[in-house]
Amino acid sequence: MIATALILLLALIGISIPVGAALGLLGLVLDPLYSMLPLSSAMGEIAWSTNNEFLLVAIPLFILLGEVLLRAGFAERMYSAMSLWLSWLPGGLMHANIGASTLFSATSGSSVATAATVATVAVPQVHKYGYKESLFLGSIAAGGTLGILIPPSINLVIYGVLTNTSVPKLYLAGVIPGLLMALAFMLTILVACLLKPSWGGKKIHGTWSERLASLVHLIPPMLIFGLVVGSIYAGLATPTEAAALGVLGAFALAAWYGRLSWAMLREVVENAMKSTAMIMLIILGASFLNFVMSATGLTDSFTGAIRNLGLSPGWMLLIVIVFYLVLGCFMETLSMMITTIHIVAPIMIALGYDPVWLGILIIILVEAALITPPVGLNLFVVHSVRKSGSMNAVIVGALPFVLAMFCMIAVLVAVPSIALWLPSAFG
C-alpha cells in the first residue's frame, strides 16, 4: 500500500497535475483498491469540516495583507531604506535583500509572497551595480523563506491546527530562530564577498541624513507587525482576528499615503483569491487523502512499523530530518506539511519532543524545500520575476544558503532553548 501510494503520487505530480488535485486523485484511486466501503462518499463532509476551521480563515487574510503592502508601494520604500543602512557591508544590496525579506516576513506570513515582493524590487539592481547574479538571486530566494518562520506565519497556523498546538506559542518560538536565520544568511553573503570581493558589486553611498530620513519608510511594516502580533499577546484578538486587524491597518496606511484606489483594490483581491484557492485546494486534497489513508489502515500500519523499529529518539530525529530534506526536493511545502505532520508529529511527541520546538524544526526543514530543486517554489518565483537567463543560476546561488539552513538545524537540535525560551517566558 505504501509503495503503491508513493508511486502513484510521484506519477501524478510528474505529469504536471497540480499538487492539490494530485492528492485528491490519489485518495480516489486508493479508495476502491484498499477499502470495502465507498470512502469517496465522505468528500462533502470532509470539505465542509476542513473549510469550517476558524483558524484557517487567517490564511486569506494574511495573503491579502501582503498584497496590500506590495501594491501600495510600501515594499519598494522599505527596500530603499534597507539599502541605505546595509549596503556598506561586503555584499551590498544582497544584505538589503535579507533585511527587507525579514521585515516583510513580519507582515505577510507567506514565503512565496515575500520572495516575489523583494524580487520585484531587487532584481533590476543586479546588472545596474554589477553583482554576481547567481548569489544575488539566491539571496532573494533564501530571504523569502523567512516568511513562514517569522510570525505571523501561515504555515505555523496550519501546523497548530494539525497538531492542536498553541499558535501564539508557535509565533513566539519562531522569533529568535527567524532572526538567527536572517543573520546566518547575511553571514553567508559576507563570507562569500570577502573571499570574492568582485561578487559584491559597486558600493552604494548614503549620508547619515539620508539614512535617518529613510527610517520613516520602516514605520508602516513595523506598525502592521505591532498591530497583528501585539493584539495577539495583549489578549485582544485570536490569530485570525489579528490577521483581520492587520488587513484593516494596511488599507488605512494605503489610504493615508494616497495609494488606495479601485484599480489597486481589484488587483489585491484577485491575487489574494488566486493564492487562497491554490492553498485551499491543497488542504482539501490532502485532508481527503489523509482520511482515506487512515480509514484503510495505511497510517496506522506506517506509524506502527516506525515505532516497531525500536530506534532511540536521537535516531528518529535524524530520520525525520533526512526524510523532510529528501521529500522537499519533490513536493510543494504546504502539501508536504499537510500529508506528513499527522504521521510524524504523534511519533516524535510520544518520544518526548516538545510540539512547539518540533513545529519550528519542521518549518525550517520545509524552508529548505523552498530553495532546493527540482520543486523549490522560491526558485521558480525569483526566476519568473527575472524573466530571462537560465534557472541554473538561481539554483546555484541558493546552495550556500541551504548550507546555512543545515547549520541552523544543527544549532536548533543542539540548543532547543533557542525556540523554547520565549514561549516559556511569555507564553
Protein backbone atom coordinates (compact mmCIF):
# COMPACT_ATOMS: atom_id res chain seq x y z
CA MET A 1 0.00 0.00 0.00
CA ILE A 2 2.77 2.42 0.93
CA ALA A 3 4.72 1.68 -2.26
CA THR A 4 1.58 2.00 -4.41
CA ALA A 5 0.61 5.32 -2.82
CA LEU A 6 4.12 6.77 -3.24
CA ILE A 7 4.50 5.63 -6.87
CA LEU A 8 1.06 6.97 -7.81
CA LEU A 9 1.72 10.32 -6.12
CA LEU A 10 5.05 10.79 -7.89
CA ALA A 11 3.46 9.77 -11.20
CA LEU A 12 0.61 12.28 -10.83
CA ILE A 13 2.99 15.11 -9.92
CA GLY A 14 5.37 14.01 -12.67
CA ILE A 15 2.73 14.53 -15.37
CA SER A 16 2.22 18.10 -14.12
CA ILE A 17 -1.12 17.65 -12.38
CA PRO A 18 -1.45 20.41 -9.74
CA VAL A 19 -0.43 19.13 -6.31
CA GLY A 20 -3.82 19.73 -4.67
CA ALA A 21 -5.62 17.82 -7.44
CA ALA A 22 -2.97 15.05 -7.36
CA LEU A 23 -3.54 14.48 -3.64
CA GLY A 24 -7.31 14.26 -4.10
CA LEU A 25 -6.97 11.94 -7.12
CA LEU A 26 -4.63 9.68 -5.16
CA GLY A 27 -7.29 9.36 -2.47
CA LEU A 28 -9.89 8.45 -5.10
CA VAL A 29 -7.58 5.77 -6.55
CA LEU A 30 -6.65 4.24 -3.16
CA ASP A 31 -10.32 4.14 -2.08
CA PRO A 32 -11.55 1.29 -4.38
CA LEU A 33 -8.19 -0.51 -4.20
CA TYR A 34 -7.98 -0.93 -0.43
CA SER A 35 -11.35 -0.03 1.11
CA MET A 36 -14.50 -2.14 1.36
CA LEU A 37 -16.63 1.00 1.79
CA PRO A 38 -17.05 3.90 -0.67
CA LEU A 39 -14.93 6.46 1.18
CA SER A 40 -15.45 8.99 -1.61
CA SER A 41 -18.98 9.50 -0.26
CA ALA A 42 -17.41 11.39 2.65
CA MET A 43 -15.77 14.01 0.43
CA GLY A 44 -18.51 16.57 1.03
CA GLU A 45 -18.31 16.24 4.81
CA ILE A 46 -14.50 16.39 4.76
CA ALA A 47 -14.53 19.50 2.56
CA TRP A 48 -17.05 21.20 4.88
CA SER A 49 -15.27 20.31 8.13
CA THR A 50 -11.91 21.37 6.71
CA ASN A 51 -13.18 24.72 5.42
CA ASN A 52 -15.06 25.28 8.68
CA GLU A 53 -11.84 25.51 10.74
CA PHE A 54 -11.80 29.05 12.17
CA LEU A 55 -8.01 29.34 12.30
CA LEU A 56 -7.73 28.71 8.56
CA VAL A 57 -9.58 31.97 7.89
CA ALA A 58 -6.26 33.61 8.77
CA ILE A 59 -4.74 32.28 5.52
CA PRO A 60 -6.61 34.50 3.01
CA LEU A 61 -6.33 37.43 5.41
CA PHE A 62 -2.54 37.20 5.68
CA ILE A 63 -2.28 36.81 1.90
CA LEU A 64 -4.48 39.89 1.46
CA LEU A 65 -2.30 41.80 3.95
CA GLY A 66 0.86 41.04 1.98
CA GLU A 67 -0.80 42.02 -1.30
CA VAL A 68 -1.89 45.40 0.09
CA LEU A 69 1.61 46.18 1.35
CA LEU A 70 3.07 45.25 -2.04
CA ARG A 71 0.57 47.14 -4.23
CA ALA A 72 0.64 50.22 -2.01
CA GLY A 73 4.37 50.60 -2.62
CA PHE A 74 5.49 50.01 0.97
CA ALA A 75 7.81 47.19 -0.09
CA GLU A 76 9.75 49.40 -2.53
CA ARG A 77 10.24 52.17 0.05
CA MET A 78 11.22 49.62 2.70
CA TYR A 79 13.83 48.14 0.35
CA SER A 80 15.32 51.55 -0.39
CA ALA A 81 15.67 52.21 3.34
CA MET A 82 17.35 48.85 3.90
CA SER A 83 19.75 49.52 1.03
CA LEU A 84 20.91 52.76 2.68
CA TRP A 85 21.50 51.07 6.04
CA LEU A 86 23.05 47.76 4.93
CA SER A 87 24.73 48.33 1.57
CA TRP A 88 28.05 49.38 3.18
CA LEU A 89 28.68 45.74 4.15
CA PRO A 90 30.62 43.45 1.77
CA GLY A 91 27.79 42.17 -0.40
CA GLY A 92 25.97 45.48 -0.60
CA LEU A 93 22.34 45.15 -1.68
CA MET A 94 22.31 41.40 -1.01
CA HIS A 95 22.13 42.30 2.70
CA ALA A 96 19.24 44.62 1.85
CA ASN A 97 17.53 41.60 0.22
CA ILE A 98 17.73 39.72 3.51
CA GLY A 99 16.81 42.73 5.65
CA ALA A 100 13.79 43.61 3.50
CA SER A 101 12.70 39.96 3.46
CA THR A 102 12.92 39.83 7.26
CA LEU A 103 10.75 42.93 7.66
CA PHE A 104 8.23 41.87 5.03
CA SER A 105 8.04 38.40 6.61
CA ALA A 106 6.84 40.07 9.79
CA THR A 107 3.72 41.19 7.93
CA SER A 108 2.98 38.77 5.08
CA GLY A 109 3.07 35.25 6.58
CA SER A 110 3.98 33.72 3.21
CA SER A 111 7.39 32.79 1.79
CA VAL A 112 6.28 32.94 -1.82
CA ALA A 113 4.76 36.40 -1.31
CA THR A 114 7.92 37.60 0.43
CA ALA A 115 10.20 36.28 -2.33
CA ALA A 116 8.01 37.72 -5.09
CA THR A 117 7.78 41.12 -3.39
CA VAL A 118 11.51 41.55 -2.75
CA ALA A 119 12.40 40.09 -6.18
CA THR A 120 10.18 42.62 -7.93
CA VAL A 121 12.12 45.48 -6.34
CA ALA A 122 15.62 43.94 -6.18
CA VAL A 123 16.18 42.03 -9.44
CA PRO A 124 16.66 45.18 -11.58
CA GLN A 125 19.65 46.10 -9.37
CA VAL A 126 21.73 43.05 -10.36
CA HIS A 127 23.28 44.41 -13.55
CA LYS A 128 22.95 48.06 -12.56
CA TYR A 129 25.52 47.62 -9.77
CA GLY A 130 27.46 44.64 -11.16
CA TYR A 131 26.62 41.91 -8.65
CA LYS A 132 27.34 38.20 -9.00
CA GLU A 133 23.97 37.31 -10.48
CA SER A 134 23.58 33.80 -9.10
CA LEU A 135 24.42 34.76 -5.49
CA PHE A 136 22.21 37.86 -5.68
CA LEU A 137 19.22 35.84 -6.91
CA GLY A 138 19.94 33.11 -4.36
CA SER A 139 19.83 35.70 -1.55
CA ILE A 140 16.33 36.77 -2.64
CA ALA A 141 15.08 33.17 -2.78
CA ALA A 142 16.63 32.39 0.62
CA GLY A 143 15.36 35.58 2.24
CA GLY A 144 11.87 34.73 1.08
CA THR A 145 11.89 31.51 3.11
CA LEU A 146 11.77 33.61 6.29
CA GLY A 147 8.12 34.33 5.51
CA ILE A 148 6.95 31.03 7.02
CA LEU A 149 9.17 31.20 10.14
CA ILE A 150 8.95 34.78 11.40
CA PRO A 151 5.45 35.50 12.78
CA PRO A 152 2.80 35.91 11.58
CA SER A 153 3.24 32.71 9.54
CA ILE A 154 0.58 30.86 7.56
CA ASN A 155 2.46 27.54 7.86
CA LEU A 156 2.71 27.86 11.66
CA VAL A 157 -1.07 28.35 11.75
CA ILE A 158 -1.53 25.15 9.73
CA TYR A 159 0.90 23.23 11.97
CA GLY A 160 -1.02 24.47 15.01
CA VAL A 161 -4.31 23.30 13.51
CA LEU A 162 -2.94 19.86 12.57
CA THR A 163 -1.27 19.18 15.94
CA ASN A 164 -3.59 21.14 18.25
CA THR A 165 -0.64 23.29 19.34
CA SER A 166 -0.99 26.89 20.53
CA VAL A 167 -0.41 29.25 17.61
CA PRO A 168 0.66 32.18 19.88
CA LYS A 169 3.34 29.92 21.40
CA LEU A 170 4.48 28.87 17.93
CA TYR A 171 4.68 32.53 16.91
CA LEU A 172 6.85 33.32 19.95
CA ALA A 173 9.03 30.29 19.24
CA GLY A 174 9.67 31.44 15.67
CA VAL A 175 11.06 34.89 16.52
CA ILE A 176 14.61 34.05 17.66
CA PRO A 177 15.24 31.25 15.11
CA GLY A 178 13.91 33.55 12.38
CA LEU A 179 16.27 36.38 13.30
CA LEU A 180 19.20 33.96 13.66
CA MET A 181 18.40 32.53 10.24
CA ALA A 182 18.46 36.03 8.74
CA LEU A 183 21.85 36.66 10.39
CA ALA A 184 23.13 33.31 9.07
CA PHE A 185 22.12 34.33 5.53
CA MET A 186 23.87 37.69 5.92
CA LEU A 187 26.98 35.94 7.28
CA THR A 188 26.94 33.65 4.22
CA ILE A 189 26.89 36.70 1.94
CA LEU A 190 29.62 38.39 3.99
CA VAL A 191 31.97 35.39 3.78
CA ALA A 192 31.33 34.87 0.06
CA CYS A 193 32.05 38.54 -0.76
CA LEU A 194 35.14 38.68 1.45
CA LEU A 195 36.52 35.69 -0.46
CA LYS A 196 35.40 37.12 -3.82
CA PRO A 197 35.11 40.94 -3.49
CA SER A 198 34.01 41.27 -7.14
CA TRP A 199 30.77 39.46 -6.29
CA GLY A 200 29.69 42.34 -4.06
CA GLY A 201 29.09 44.86 -6.85
CA LYS A 202 29.53 48.61 -6.66
CA LYS A 203 29.21 50.35 -3.31
CA ILE A 204 26.12 52.47 -2.69
CA HIS A 205 26.94 55.51 -0.59
CA GLY A 206 24.43 57.31 1.56
CA THR A 207 24.76 60.13 4.06
CA TRP A 208 23.62 59.82 7.65
CA SER A 209 20.88 62.36 6.99
CA GLU A 210 19.56 60.18 4.14
CA ARG A 211 19.69 57.09 6.35
CA LEU A 212 17.85 58.76 9.20
CA ALA A 213 15.26 60.18 6.81
CA SER A 214 14.69 56.70 5.34
CA LEU A 215 13.61 55.31 8.72
CA VAL A 216 10.14 56.71 8.10
CA HIS A 217 9.71 54.04 5.39
CA LEU A 218 10.16 51.29 8.00
CA ILE A 219 7.29 52.58 10.11
CA PRO A 220 4.37 51.03 8.10
CA PRO A 221 5.59 47.39 8.29
CA MET A 222 6.51 47.83 11.96
CA LEU A 223 3.07 49.26 12.71
CA ILE A 224 1.40 46.31 10.99
CA PHE A 225 3.63 43.84 12.87
CA GLY A 226 2.82 45.55 16.17
CA LEU A 227 -0.90 45.56 15.37
CA VAL A 228 -1.04 41.87 14.39
CA VAL A 229 1.34 40.29 16.89
CA GLY A 230 0.70 42.83 19.64
CA SER A 231 -3.06 42.26 19.58
CA ILE A 232 -2.50 38.51 19.97
CA TYR A 233 -0.24 38.76 23.02
CA ALA A 234 -2.26 41.54 24.59
CA GLY A 235 -5.17 39.10 24.62
CA LEU A 236 -7.26 41.35 22.41
CA ALA A 237 -7.53 39.05 19.39
CA THR A 238 -7.09 35.49 18.19
CA PRO A 239 -4.60 34.91 15.33
CA THR A 240 -7.46 35.05 12.83
CA GLU A 241 -8.88 38.26 14.29
CA ALA A 242 -5.36 39.73 14.41
CA ALA A 243 -4.95 38.98 10.69
CA ALA A 244 -8.19 40.90 10.02
CA LEU A 245 -6.88 43.82 12.09
CA GLY A 246 -3.68 43.73 10.03
CA VAL A 247 -5.66 43.97 6.79
CA LEU A 248 -7.64 46.95 8.12
CA GLY A 249 -4.40 48.60 9.22
CA ALA A 250 -2.79 48.01 5.81
CA PHE A 251 -5.77 49.54 4.00
CA ALA A 252 -5.70 52.51 6.38
CA LEU A 253 -1.99 53.07 5.70
CA ALA A 254 -2.53 52.74 1.95
CA ALA A 255 -5.27 55.38 2.13
CA TRP A 256 -3.07 57.63 4.31
CA TYR A 257 -0.28 57.52 1.71
CA GLY A 258 -2.76 58.09 -1.14
CA ARG A 259 -2.20 54.68 -2.74
CA LEU A 260 -5.69 53.23 -2.25
CA SER A 261 -7.74 53.07 -5.46
CA TRP A 262 -10.36 50.86 -7.06
CA ALA A 263 -7.80 49.50 -9.53
CA MET A 264 -5.37 48.66 -6.73
CA LEU A 265 -8.19 47.11 -4.66
CA ARG A 266 -9.27 44.91 -7.58
CA GLU A 267 -5.70 43.71 -8.19
CA VAL A 268 -5.18 42.96 -4.49
CA VAL A 269 -8.41 40.96 -4.18
CA GLU A 270 -7.83 38.99 -7.41
CA ASN A 271 -4.30 37.94 -6.43
CA ALA A 272 -5.38 37.06 -2.89
CA MET A 273 -8.24 34.93 -4.23
CA LYS A 274 -5.94 33.05 -6.62
CA SER A 275 -3.40 32.27 -3.89
CA THR A 276 -6.10 31.29 -1.39
CA ALA A 277 -7.80 28.99 -3.91
CA MET A 278 -4.49 27.22 -4.59
CA ILE A 279 -3.75 26.74 -0.88
CA MET A 280 -7.27 25.57 -0.02
CA LEU A 281 -7.24 23.06 -2.90
CA ILE A 282 -4.07 21.56 -1.44
CA ILE A 283 -5.61 21.46 2.05
CA LEU A 284 -8.82 19.83 0.78
CA GLY A 285 -6.97 17.27 -1.35
CA ALA A 286 -4.59 16.40 1.47
CA SER A 287 -7.46 16.16 4.02
CA PHE A 288 -9.32 13.64 1.84
CA LEU A 289 -6.12 11.66 1.22
CA ASN A 290 -5.40 11.60 4.96
CA PHE A 291 -8.94 10.33 5.59
CA VAL A 292 -8.52 7.52 3.03
CA MET A 293 -5.12 6.56 4.44
CA SER A 294 -6.49 6.44 7.99
CA ALA A 295 -9.65 4.51 7.01
CA THR A 296 -7.68 1.89 5.07
CA GLY A 297 -5.22 1.44 7.93
CA LEU A 298 -2.26 2.77 5.97
CA THR A 299 -1.47 5.48 8.52
CA ASP A 300 -1.60 3.08 11.48
CA SER A 301 0.49 0.49 9.65
CA PHE A 302 3.13 3.03 8.71
CA THR A 303 3.22 4.54 12.21
CA GLY A 304 3.35 1.11 13.82
CA ALA A 305 6.16 -0.01 11.54
CA ILE A 306 8.24 3.01 12.52
CA ARG A 307 7.61 2.51 16.23
CA ASN A 308 8.49 -1.19 15.99
CA LEU A 309 11.92 -0.29 14.70
CA GLY A 310 12.84 0.43 18.30
CA LEU A 311 15.03 3.40 17.41
CA SER A 312 16.19 5.91 20.01
CA PRO A 313 14.74 9.46 19.98
CA GLY A 314 18.01 10.75 18.52
CA TRP A 315 17.96 8.33 15.59
CA MET A 316 14.28 9.03 14.97
CA LEU A 317 15.03 12.75 14.86
CA LEU A 318 17.80 12.17 12.32
CA ILE A 319 15.45 10.06 10.18
CA VAL A 320 12.77 12.80 10.29
CA ILE A 321 15.31 15.47 9.26
CA VAL A 322 16.58 13.39 6.33
CA PHE A 323 13.00 12.45 5.39
CA TYR A 324 11.90 16.08 5.10
CA LEU A 325 15.04 17.17 3.28
CA VAL A 326 14.62 14.43 0.66
CA LEU A 327 10.84 14.83 0.36
CA GLY A 328 11.26 18.57 -0.02
CA CYS A 329 13.07 18.02 -3.31
CA PHE A 330 9.90 16.52 -4.82
CA MET A 331 6.88 18.02 -3.03
CA GLU A 332 5.49 21.50 -2.57
CA THR A 333 5.93 22.69 1.01
CA LEU A 334 2.31 23.10 2.09
CA SER A 335 1.19 19.74 0.74
CA MET A 336 4.27 18.13 2.29
CA MET A 337 3.32 19.50 5.71
CA ILE A 338 -0.33 18.52 5.50
CA THR A 339 0.34 14.96 4.30
CA THR A 340 3.14 14.14 6.77
CA ILE A 341 2.61 16.02 10.03
CA HIS A 342 -0.30 13.87 11.20
CA ILE A 343 2.09 10.88 10.94
CA VAL A 344 5.37 12.42 12.08
CA ALA A 345 4.20 14.66 14.94
CA PRO A 346 2.48 11.98 17.13
CA ILE A 347 5.54 9.73 16.90
CA MET A 348 8.01 12.48 17.78
CA ILE A 349 5.85 13.91 20.58
CA ALA A 350 5.46 10.40 22.05
CA LEU A 351 9.27 10.14 22.10
CA GLY A 352 9.40 13.22 24.31
CA TYR A 353 9.98 16.07 21.85
CA ASP A 354 8.21 19.34 22.59
CA PRO A 355 5.47 20.01 19.99
CA VAL A 356 6.34 23.72 19.81
CA TRP A 357 10.05 23.01 19.23
CA LEU A 358 9.15 20.29 16.72
CA GLY A 359 6.98 22.75 14.81
CA ILE A 360 9.86 25.22 14.42
CA LEU A 361 12.21 22.42 13.31
CA ILE A 362 9.73 21.20 10.69
CA ILE A 363 9.20 24.76 9.43
CA ILE A 364 12.97 25.21 8.93
CA LEU A 365 13.12 21.86 7.11
CA VAL A 366 10.21 22.99 4.95
CA GLU A 367 12.05 26.28 4.33
CA ALA A 368 14.94 24.28 2.88
CA ALA A 369 12.47 22.66 0.48
CA LEU A 370 11.59 26.12 -0.87
CA ILE A 371 15.10 26.60 -2.30
CA THR A 372 16.09 23.04 -3.25
CA PRO A 373 15.46 21.79 -6.80
CA PRO A 374 13.51 20.49 -8.62
CA VAL A 375 10.36 21.75 -6.82
CA GLY A 376 11.72 24.74 -4.88
CA LEU A 377 8.89 27.26 -5.21
CA ASN A 378 11.00 30.30 -4.33
CA LEU A 379 13.48 29.38 -7.08
CA PHE A 380 10.66 29.48 -9.63
CA VAL A 381 9.28 32.73 -8.20
CA VAL A 382 12.61 34.55 -8.43
CA HIS A 383 13.29 33.16 -11.90
CA SER A 384 9.84 34.22 -13.13
CA VAL A 385 10.41 37.78 -11.93
CA ARG A 386 13.82 37.78 -13.63
CA LYS A 387 12.18 36.83 -16.99
CA SER A 388 15.44 35.83 -18.70
CA GLY A 389 18.52 33.65 -18.29
CA SER A 390 18.94 30.13 -17.01
CA MET A 391 17.19 28.62 -13.98
CA ASN A 392 20.52 27.07 -13.04
CA ALA A 393 21.85 30.44 -11.90
CA VAL A 394 19.12 30.73 -9.26
CA ILE A 395 19.65 27.13 -8.12
CA VAL A 396 23.43 27.51 -7.80
CA GLY A 397 23.07 30.84 -6.00
CA ALA A 398 20.72 29.31 -3.42
CA LEU A 399 23.02 26.41 -2.47
CA PRO A 400 25.19 28.37 0.04
CA PHE A 401 22.02 29.40 1.85
CA VAL A 402 20.85 25.79 2.02
CA LEU A 403 24.09 25.05 3.87
CA ALA A 404 23.32 27.92 6.24
CA MET A 405 19.94 26.29 6.93
CA PHE A 406 21.65 22.99 7.72
CA CYS A 407 23.81 24.81 10.26
CA MET A 408 20.68 26.40 11.78
CA ILE A 409 19.04 22.98 12.06
CA ALA A 410 22.11 21.65 13.88
CA VAL A 411 22.08 24.62 16.28
CA LEU A 412 18.35 24.21 16.97
CA VAL A 413 18.80 20.50 17.73
CA ALA A 414 21.81 21.18 19.98
CA VAL A 415 20.19 24.14 21.78
CA PRO A 416 16.37 23.67 21.88
CA SER A 417 16.01 26.70 24.17
CA ILE A 418 16.56 28.93 21.13
CA ALA A 419 12.96 28.17 20.18
CA LEU A 420 11.52 27.45 23.61
CA TRP A 421 12.79 30.39 25.68
CA LEU A 422 10.27 33.00 24.53
CA PRO A 423 7.21 30.67 24.80
CA SER A 424 8.25 29.64 28.33
CA ALA A 425 8.96 33.24 29.37
CA PHE A 426 5.87 34.91 27.92
CA GLY A 427 3.52 32.11 26.88
